[in-house]
Protein backbone atom coordinates (compact mmCIF):
# COMPACT_ATOMS: atom_id res chain seq x y z
CA MET A 1 0.02 -0.04 0.07
CA VAL A 2 2.81 2.32 0.75
CA ARG A 3 4.34 1.56 -2.88
CA ALA A 4 1.17 2.11 -4.30
CA ALA A 5 0.79 5.41 -2.42
CA GLU A 6 4.45 6.54 -3.64
CA GLU A 7 3.46 5.55 -7.11
CA GLU A 8 0.29 7.31 -7.09
CA GLN A 9 2.19 10.44 -5.74
CA ASN A 10 4.80 10.18 -8.37
CA VAL A 11 2.06 9.97 -11.30
CA ASN A 12 0.23 12.86 -9.69
CA SER A 13 3.62 14.77 -9.31
CA GLY A 14 4.24 14.24 -12.83
CA LEU A 15 0.82 15.48 -13.94
CA GLY A 16 1.10 18.34 -12.04
CA ASP A 17 4.59 19.03 -13.43
CA GLU A 18 2.84 18.73 -17.27
CA SER A 19 -0.01 20.79 -16.16
CA THR A 20 2.30 23.55 -14.97
CA THR A 21 4.29 23.48 -18.00
CA ASN A 22 1.24 23.79 -20.37
CA ASN A 23 0.14 26.68 -18.21
CA ASP A 24 3.64 28.22 -18.36
CA ASP A 25 3.42 27.81 -22.51
CA LYS A 26 -0.12 29.44 -22.37
CA ASN A 27 1.01 32.35 -20.45
CA SER A 28 4.25 32.85 -22.46
CA ASP A 29 2.29 32.67 -25.64
CA THR A 30 -0.25 35.32 -24.14
CA ILE A 31 2.71 37.62 -23.13
CA SER A 32 4.40 37.03 -26.46
CA ASN A 33 1.04 38.16 -28.31
CA MET A 34 0.79 40.98 -25.94
CA GLU A 35 4.13 42.23 -26.63
CA MET A 36 3.40 41.75 -30.36
CA MET A 37 0.36 43.67 -30.41
CA LYS A 38 1.92 46.79 -28.30
CA GLU A 39 4.45 46.64 -31.00
CA LYS A 40 2.17 46.85 -33.85
CA PHE A 41 0.03 49.67 -32.35
CA ALA A 42 2.89 51.51 -31.19
CA LYS A 43 4.21 51.59 -34.80
CA LEU A 44 0.54 52.73 -36.03
CA LEU A 45 0.30 55.40 -33.29
CA LEU A 46 3.69 56.99 -34.60
CA GLY A 47 2.58 56.59 -38.24
CA GLU A 48 5.19 53.93 -38.89
CA ASP A 49 7.93 56.43 -37.91
CA MET A 50 9.66 54.27 -34.94
CA SER A 51 12.43 57.11 -34.63
CA GLY A 52 9.67 59.18 -32.95
CA GLY A 53 10.50 62.07 -34.92
CA GLY A 54 6.94 63.09 -35.88
CA LYS A 55 7.63 62.34 -39.58
CA GLY A 56 5.13 59.53 -39.70
CA VAL A 57 2.25 59.16 -41.89
CA SER A 58 -1.34 59.81 -40.94
CA SER A 59 -3.06 57.26 -38.68
CA SER A 60 -5.55 56.23 -41.63
CA LEU A 61 -2.86 55.60 -43.94
CA ALA A 62 -0.72 53.79 -41.41
CA LEU A 63 -3.83 51.57 -40.88
CA SER A 64 -4.21 50.83 -44.53
CA ASN A 65 -0.60 50.01 -45.16
CA ALA A 66 -0.67 47.82 -41.99
CA ILE A 67 -3.59 45.61 -43.39
CA THR A 68 -2.12 45.85 -47.14
CA ASN A 69 1.53 44.72 -45.75
CA LEU A 70 -0.30 41.81 -43.50
CA ALA A 71 -2.15 40.54 -46.61
CA ALA A 72 1.03 40.63 -48.71
CA SER A 73 3.07 38.63 -46.02
CA VAL A 74 0.23 36.15 -45.59
CA PHE A 75 -1.04 35.22 -48.77
CA GLY A 76 1.85 36.41 -51.11
CA GLU A 77 3.16 32.69 -51.27
CA GLN A 78 -0.14 31.40 -52.07
CA SER A 79 0.59 30.43 -55.65
CA ARG A 80 -1.31 27.11 -55.43
CA LEU A 81 -4.85 25.66 -54.98
CA GLU A 82 -4.34 24.40 -51.52
CA PRO A 83 -5.22 25.15 -47.65
CA MET A 84 -3.29 27.73 -46.00
CA PRO A 85 -0.64 26.54 -43.49
CA PRO A 86 -2.05 26.63 -40.03
CA GLU A 87 0.32 29.01 -38.83
CA ARG A 88 -0.20 31.48 -41.47
CA LYS A 89 -4.24 31.06 -41.07
CA THR A 90 -3.73 31.86 -37.57
CA ARG A 91 -1.48 34.98 -37.82
CA TRP A 92 -3.97 36.23 -40.61
CA ARG A 93 -7.06 35.92 -38.32
CA LYS A 94 -5.25 36.94 -34.94
CA GLU A 95 -3.64 40.35 -36.50
CA MET A 96 -6.65 41.15 -38.56
CA ASP A 97 -8.68 41.08 -35.33
CA TRP A 98 -6.29 43.57 -33.73
CA LEU A 99 -6.44 45.82 -36.68
CA LEU A 100 -10.21 45.62 -36.97
CA SER A 101 -10.64 46.36 -33.24
CA VAL A 102 -10.10 49.87 -33.94
CA THR A 103 -13.46 50.09 -35.56
CA ASP A 104 -15.23 49.11 -32.42
CA HIS A 105 -14.61 52.56 -31.09
CA ILE A 106 -15.63 54.51 -34.20
CA VAL A 107 -19.07 55.19 -33.02
CA GLU A 108 -22.22 57.53 -33.67
CA PHE A 109 -25.03 58.81 -31.44
CA VAL A 110 -28.55 57.25 -32.12
CA ALA A 111 -31.82 57.59 -30.23
CA SER A 112 -32.97 54.58 -28.21
CA LYS A 113 -36.03 54.29 -26.08
CA GLN A 114 -35.58 53.32 -22.59
CA ASN A 115 -38.09 52.35 -19.60
CA THR A 116 -37.01 53.65 -16.24
CA ASN A 117 -39.50 53.38 -13.32
CA GLY A 118 -42.24 52.86 -15.63
CA VAL A 119 -41.47 56.19 -17.68
CA ASN A 120 -40.47 56.01 -21.33
CA MET A 121 -37.62 57.99 -22.35
CA GLU A 122 -35.54 58.73 -25.60
CA VAL A 123 -31.92 58.97 -24.74
CA MET A 124 -28.91 59.14 -27.06
CA VAL A 125 -26.59 56.02 -27.00
CA THR A 126 -23.60 55.12 -29.03
CA ARG A 127 -23.22 52.46 -31.63
CA GLN A 128 -20.74 51.28 -34.10
CA ARG A 129 -20.87 54.00 -37.17
CA SER A 130 -23.40 52.59 -39.50
CA ASP A 131 -21.03 51.93 -42.47
CA LEU A 132 -18.70 50.15 -40.40
CA HIS A 133 -21.64 47.99 -38.69
CA MET A 134 -22.83 47.06 -42.12
CA ASN A 135 -19.43 46.49 -44.03
CA ILE A 136 -17.10 44.74 -41.48
CA PRO A 137 -19.39 41.73 -40.96
CA ALA A 138 -19.78 41.61 -44.83
CA LEU A 139 -16.07 41.68 -45.41
CA ARG A 140 -15.38 39.12 -42.57
CA LYS A 141 -17.77 36.78 -44.36
CA LEU A 142 -16.18 37.18 -47.67
CA ASP A 143 -12.87 36.70 -45.99
CA ALA A 144 -14.12 33.49 -44.35
CA MET A 145 -15.34 32.28 -47.89
CA LEU A 146 -12.47 32.77 -49.51
CA ILE A 147 -10.05 30.76 -46.62
CA GLU A 148 -12.87 28.24 -46.75
CA CYS A 149 -12.55 27.78 -50.44
CA LEU A 150 -8.76 27.16 -50.14
CA ASP A 151 -9.42 24.50 -47.48
CA ASN A 152 -11.90 22.63 -49.99
CA PHE A 153 -8.92 21.81 -52.04
CA LYS A 154 -7.38 19.88 -49.36
CA GLY A 155 -6.73 16.28 -50.56
CA ASP A 156 -6.81 14.69 -54.11
CA HIS A 157 -8.61 16.42 -56.79
CA GLU A 158 -7.21 14.88 -59.75
CA PHE A 159 -4.80 17.55 -60.45
CA THR A 160 -1.30 18.32 -59.29
CA TYR A 161 1.43 20.72 -59.96
CA ALA A 162 4.66 20.01 -61.98
CA SER A 163 8.04 20.49 -59.89
CA LYS A 164 10.49 23.01 -61.21
CA ASN A 165 12.73 20.17 -62.34
CA ASP A 166 9.90 18.47 -64.03
CA ASN A 167 10.86 18.03 -67.88
CA GLU A 168 7.48 17.67 -68.86
CA SER A 169 6.25 20.89 -67.24
CA LYS A 170 8.72 22.62 -69.47
CA SER A 171 6.87 21.71 -72.69
CA MET A 172 3.46 22.47 -71.07
CA SER A 173 1.60 25.44 -71.96
CA LYS A 174 0.70 28.04 -69.29
CA ARG A 175 -2.52 30.18 -69.33
CA GLU A 176 -0.32 33.24 -68.29
CA GLU A 177 3.06 32.79 -70.09
CA ASP A 178 4.43 36.03 -68.55
CA LYS A 179 4.02 34.74 -65.10
CA TRP A 180 6.72 32.04 -65.33
CA TRP A 181 6.97 31.77 -61.59
CA LEU A 182 3.71 30.32 -60.85
CA PRO A 183 3.49 26.36 -60.83
CA THR A 184 2.10 24.65 -63.76
CA PRO A 185 -0.87 22.38 -63.02
CA LYS A 186 -0.98 18.86 -64.28
CA VAL A 187 -4.35 16.93 -65.07
CA PRO A 188 -4.71 13.38 -66.25
CA PRO A 189 -3.86 12.50 -69.79
CA ASP A 190 -7.58 12.34 -70.49
CA GLY A 191 -8.46 15.24 -68.50
CA LEU A 192 -10.59 15.74 -65.37
CA SER A 193 -13.79 13.78 -64.76
CA ASP A 194 -17.01 15.51 -65.15
CA ALA A 195 -17.60 15.61 -61.39
CA THR A 196 -14.37 17.42 -60.61
CA ARG A 197 -15.05 19.67 -63.51
CA LYS A 198 -18.45 20.58 -61.91
CA TRP A 199 -16.98 20.92 -58.56
CA LEU A 200 -14.33 23.17 -59.89
CA GLN A 201 -16.60 25.25 -61.74
CA PHE A 202 -18.83 25.71 -58.55
CA GLN A 203 -15.62 26.76 -56.36
CA LYS A 204 -14.91 29.17 -59.37
CA ASP A 205 -18.44 30.70 -59.25
CA SER A 206 -18.49 31.19 -55.57
CA VAL A 207 -15.25 32.92 -55.42
CA HIS A 208 -16.36 35.02 -58.41
CA GLN A 209 -19.30 36.02 -56.12
CA VAL A 210 -17.04 37.06 -53.70
CA LEU A 211 -14.74 39.35 -55.95
CA LYS A 212 -18.03 40.99 -57.29
CA ALA A 213 -19.11 41.91 -53.59
CA ALA A 214 -15.74 43.21 -52.58
CA LEU A 215 -15.51 45.13 -55.83
CA ALA A 216 -18.76 46.79 -55.02
CA ILE A 217 -17.96 47.61 -51.52
CA ASN A 218 -14.32 49.16 -52.37
CA ALA A 219 -15.91 51.13 -55.26
CA GLN A 220 -18.72 52.54 -52.56
CA ILE A 221 -16.00 53.42 -50.04
CA LEU A 222 -13.91 55.52 -52.59
CA MET A 223 -16.81 57.33 -53.95
CA GLU A 224 -17.83 58.34 -50.40
CA MET A 225 -14.24 59.73 -49.82
CA GLU A 226 -14.10 63.43 -50.80
CA VAL A 227 -11.30 64.76 -53.33
CA PRO A 228 -8.85 66.61 -51.25
CA GLU A 229 -8.10 70.21 -52.27
CA SER A 230 -4.39 69.42 -52.00
CA TYR A 231 -5.06 66.84 -54.80
CA THR A 232 -6.89 69.20 -57.21
CA GLU A 233 -4.14 71.96 -56.66
CA THR A 234 -1.65 69.93 -58.34
CA LEU A 235 -3.92 69.13 -61.43
CA PRO A 236 -3.42 70.89 -64.86
CA LYS A 237 -6.40 73.02 -65.94
CA ASN A 238 -7.48 70.63 -68.48
CA GLY A 239 -7.97 67.01 -69.15
CA ARG A 240 -5.89 66.80 -72.39
CA ALA A 241 -2.82 68.10 -70.40
CA SER A 242 -3.63 65.23 -67.89
CA LEU A 243 -3.99 62.55 -70.26
CA GLY A 244 -1.43 63.32 -73.27
CA ASP A 245 -2.43 63.92 -76.77
CA TYR A 246 -2.95 60.08 -77.68
CA ILE A 247 -5.23 58.97 -74.73
CA TYR A 248 -7.40 62.39 -75.05
CA LYS A 249 -8.07 61.69 -78.92
CA SER A 250 -8.78 57.92 -78.18
CA ILE A 251 -11.34 58.97 -75.50
CA THR A 252 -12.84 61.89 -77.35
CA VAL A 253 -13.53 60.03 -80.65
CA ASP A 254 -17.10 59.81 -82.14
CA HIS A 255 -17.23 56.11 -81.71
CA PHE A 256 -15.42 54.94 -78.43
CA ASP A 257 -14.55 51.44 -77.59
CA PRO A 258 -13.22 50.78 -74.11
CA ASP A 259 -11.89 47.20 -74.98
CA LYS A 260 -10.20 48.49 -78.23
CA PHE A 261 -8.58 51.29 -76.29
CA LEU A 262 -7.25 49.36 -73.53
CA SER A 263 -5.66 46.67 -76.19
CA SER A 264 -3.85 49.88 -77.48
CA MET A 265 -2.27 50.72 -74.40
CA ASP A 266 0.88 49.19 -72.85
CA LEU A 267 -0.17 47.48 -69.56
CA THR A 268 2.30 44.87 -69.05
CA THR A 269 3.47 46.24 -65.58
CA ASP A 270 1.66 47.18 -62.51
CA HIS A 271 3.52 50.68 -62.90
CA LYS A 272 2.14 51.52 -66.23
CA ILE A 273 -1.55 50.32 -65.31
CA VAL A 274 -1.18 52.70 -62.28
CA ASP A 275 0.20 55.56 -64.48
CA LEU A 276 -2.84 55.19 -66.90
CA LYS A 277 -4.91 55.00 -63.84
CA ASN A 278 -3.47 58.28 -62.24
CA ARG A 279 -4.01 59.95 -65.75
CA ILE A 280 -7.56 59.30 -66.17
CA GLU A 281 -8.46 59.69 -62.42
CA ALA A 282 -7.16 63.18 -62.84
CA SER A 283 -8.79 63.98 -65.91
CA VAL A 284 -12.21 62.86 -64.32
CA VAL A 285 -11.85 65.18 -61.47
CA ILE A 286 -10.89 68.13 -63.80
CA TRP A 287 -13.95 67.55 -65.97
CA LYS A 288 -15.84 67.23 -62.91
CA ARG A 289 -14.78 70.53 -61.52
CA LYS A 290 -15.40 72.08 -64.95
CA MET A 291 -18.88 71.03 -65.13
CA SER A 292 -19.45 72.40 -61.66
CA ALA A 293 -18.05 75.51 -62.32
CA LYS A 294 -20.92 78.30 -62.39
CA ASP A 295 -18.84 81.25 -62.90
CA GLY A 296 -17.87 81.58 -66.53
CA ARG A 297 -14.58 83.28 -65.52
CA SER A 298 -13.42 80.54 -63.27
CA GLY A 299 -10.16 78.90 -64.00
CA TRP A 300 -12.04 75.33 -64.16
CA SER A 301 -14.57 76.78 -66.57
CA SER A 302 -14.28 75.64 -70.43
CA GLY A 303 -15.97 76.20 -73.77
CA VAL A 304 -16.63 72.35 -74.44
CA SER A 305 -20.29 71.79 -74.08
CA LEU A 306 -21.71 70.13 -70.99
CA GLU A 307 -22.95 67.20 -72.80
CA LYS A 308 -19.57 66.47 -74.43
CA ARG A 309 -17.96 66.84 -71.14
CA GLU A 310 -20.40 64.42 -69.48
CA GLN A 311 -19.85 61.85 -72.27
CA PHE A 312 -16.10 62.19 -71.79
CA GLU A 313 -16.32 61.69 -68.23
CA ASP A 314 -18.67 58.65 -68.50
CA ARG A 315 -15.91 57.03 -71.01
CA ALA A 316 -13.10 57.64 -68.60
CA GLU A 317 -15.07 56.20 -65.75
CA THR A 318 -16.06 53.21 -67.65
CA ILE A 319 -12.28 52.67 -68.50
CA LEU A 320 -11.33 53.08 -64.50
CA LEU A 321 -13.89 50.11 -63.71
CA ILE A 322 -12.50 47.93 -66.29
CA LEU A 323 -9.05 48.48 -65.23
CA LYS A 324 -10.29 47.85 -61.43
CA GLN A 325 -11.93 44.68 -62.58
CA ARG A 326 -9.09 43.24 -64.66
CA TYR A 327 -6.39 44.35 -62.14
CA PRO A 328 -7.58 44.01 -58.79
CA GLY A 329 -4.77 44.34 -56.21
CA ILE A 330 -2.53 46.80 -58.23
CA PRO A 331 -0.86 49.56 -56.15
CA GLN A 332 -3.20 52.41 -55.05
CA SER A 333 -3.43 55.45 -57.31
CA ILE A 334 -2.48 58.89 -56.14
CA LEU A 335 -6.13 59.83 -55.85
CA GLU A 336 -6.68 56.94 -53.44
CA ILE A 337 -3.71 57.96 -51.38
CA SER A 338 -4.74 61.29 -51.13
CA LYS A 339 -8.36 60.59 -50.22
CA ILE A 340 -7.09 58.30 -47.46
CA GLU A 341 -4.84 60.96 -46.10
CA HIS A 342 -7.31 63.75 -46.43
CA ASN A 343 -8.75 65.65 -43.62
CA ARG A 344 -6.77 63.78 -40.94
CA VAL A 345 -7.23 66.41 -38.31
CA ARG A 346 -10.85 67.50 -38.49
CA ASN A 347 -12.35 64.16 -39.21
CA LEU A 348 -9.79 61.63 -38.16
CA LEU A 349 -12.26 58.92 -37.14
CA HIS A 350 -14.32 59.23 -40.05
CA ASN A 351 -11.14 58.82 -42.28
CA VAL A 352 -9.76 55.85 -40.42
CA GLY A 353 -13.21 53.92 -40.87
CA HIS A 354 -13.02 54.67 -44.41
CA ALA A 355 -9.18 53.61 -44.61
CA ILE A 356 -9.77 50.44 -43.05
CA LEU A 357 -12.94 49.55 -45.27
CA GLU A 358 -11.16 50.53 -48.34
CA SER A 359 -7.92 48.56 -47.67
CA TYR A 360 -9.93 45.54 -46.43
CA SER A 361 -11.98 45.20 -49.47
CA ARG A 362 -9.04 45.88 -51.68
CA ILE A 363 -6.88 43.10 -50.41
CA LEU A 364 -9.86 40.71 -50.48
CA GLU A 365 -10.42 41.85 -54.22
CA SER A 366 -6.86 40.81 -54.98
CA LEU A 367 -7.04 37.41 -52.98
CA ALA A 368 -10.20 36.71 -54.86
CA HIS A 369 -8.67 37.38 -58.26
CA LYS A 370 -5.54 35.42 -57.32
CA VAL A 371 -7.69 32.20 -56.40
CA LEU A 372 -9.77 32.61 -59.44
CA SER A 373 -6.56 32.72 -61.63
CA ARG A 374 -5.32 29.63 -60.12
CA ILE A 375 -8.65 27.92 -60.84
CA GLU A 376 -8.42 28.91 -64.43
CA ASP A 377 -4.95 27.70 -64.65
CA VAL A 378 -6.29 24.22 -63.87
CA GLN A 379 -9.21 24.39 -66.28
CA HIS A 380 -6.96 25.67 -69.03
CA ALA A 381 -4.74 22.69 -68.49
CA ASP A 382 -7.92 20.42 -68.84
CA THR A 383 -9.03 22.15 -71.95
CA LEU A 384 -5.59 21.35 -73.59
CA THR A 385 -6.02 17.78 -72.96
CA GLN A 386 -9.41 17.91 -74.67
CA ASP A 387 -8.54 20.13 -77.56
CA PRO A 388 -4.83 20.74 -78.10
CA SER A 389 -5.48 23.48 -80.71
CA SER A 390 -6.94 25.70 -77.68
CA ARG A 391 -3.06 26.11 -76.65
CA SER A 392 -3.37 29.96 -77.19
CA LEU A 393 -6.80 30.18 -75.66
CA LYS A 394 -6.58 33.02 -72.76
CA LEU A 395 -9.30 32.60 -69.93
CA ASN A 396 -10.18 35.86 -68.05
CA SER A 397 -13.24 35.57 -66.00
CA LEU A 398 -12.98 39.38 -65.27
CA LYS A 399 -13.23 40.32 -68.79
CA ASP A 400 -15.56 37.67 -69.75
CA SER A 401 -17.96 37.41 -66.90
CA LEU A 402 -17.91 40.98 -65.26
CA LYS A 403 -19.98 42.89 -67.95
CA ILE A 404 -19.57 46.54 -67.79
CA GLU A 405 -22.85 48.41 -68.53
CA ALA A 406 -22.88 51.50 -70.93
CA SER A 407 -23.48 53.74 -67.90
CA GLY A 408 -20.17 52.47 -66.33
CA LYS A 409 -21.88 50.79 -63.12
CA PHE A 410 -20.95 47.74 -61.59
CA PRO A 411 -23.25 44.71 -62.42
CA ASP A 412 -25.98 44.10 -59.74
CA LEU A 413 -24.89 41.62 -57.09
């Protein structure tokens, strides 16, 4: 009995030591997370200027950059259709919760009825600002849908990826030949089964809906942001000077085709796409200012008729929408950065809320587009097994399935 008691005591002592070790590990993780969160928010408060010299950017731009940089580090290596590694998924959720927690403290006053001692009274209470209350849960849902879609590719789905040293992959055709660094998908010699094709199309349609929703939210947020005076002061007095002669003549022709116009432009790099976007956005602002100029002697007034100017503006905005849909995730334009920085002192919280919504919706656009492209890579490889003559086929979901109305508006969701 004595020996049994001693053994039981030793076992309990061992369990106690293990329990203590687990508690110590949890406490260590909690402390580590707390220190990491303090460091991140200290950087945000200093506007990314850790020297404390007061040369940092605005809080809104710092938050926007933090969300953008986090997404780039977490999703930057997601080049295959496969679940995210658990550590990256955990980091994404944890750090996004930190950054989005700022919106819990951006509130507005609303009337609320209360009953006190049998007396009905209407008092003012605070709640999360209405645009944040509506859009943050929506963006979180889109976020979860994208991660769930990647999780769905766990296991065998009849396709794999060729290794860099695979001789067979060197002779295989890529859907996007310029993106040589992306892995090449391999499908069975006789192609995917009908069940897998239907399943793959279902995943594509789901991600496509996420992309459309993120695009719509981002467009709405950017539209609500005011154009700062500091931006308009840098603009030339007419759209031709902003666009250049070639682009101006192409937009102001009698018969305008946006697809034909874009096919004539060099859009081979992000820098060139953003440059075109900067020029067109500047011209839109100029034309709007000219149309709103009531005094004929105003520096923004012009001899061009109002109808013509509205037509030019509509064409320019159509081009901007097509660029946004075909190239989600490109760097921010000068106007977008200016809007995020605008009015940082007089209306800081309003601007911070918009900056968070804009950056969150923008990075979800980019991730949705990336997943769509990877699905289309697999579909392209499957198509080649059925019809080798389609080797030059270029699938483009953003061009083919997101149709632009003549009015330049997004399709209804």
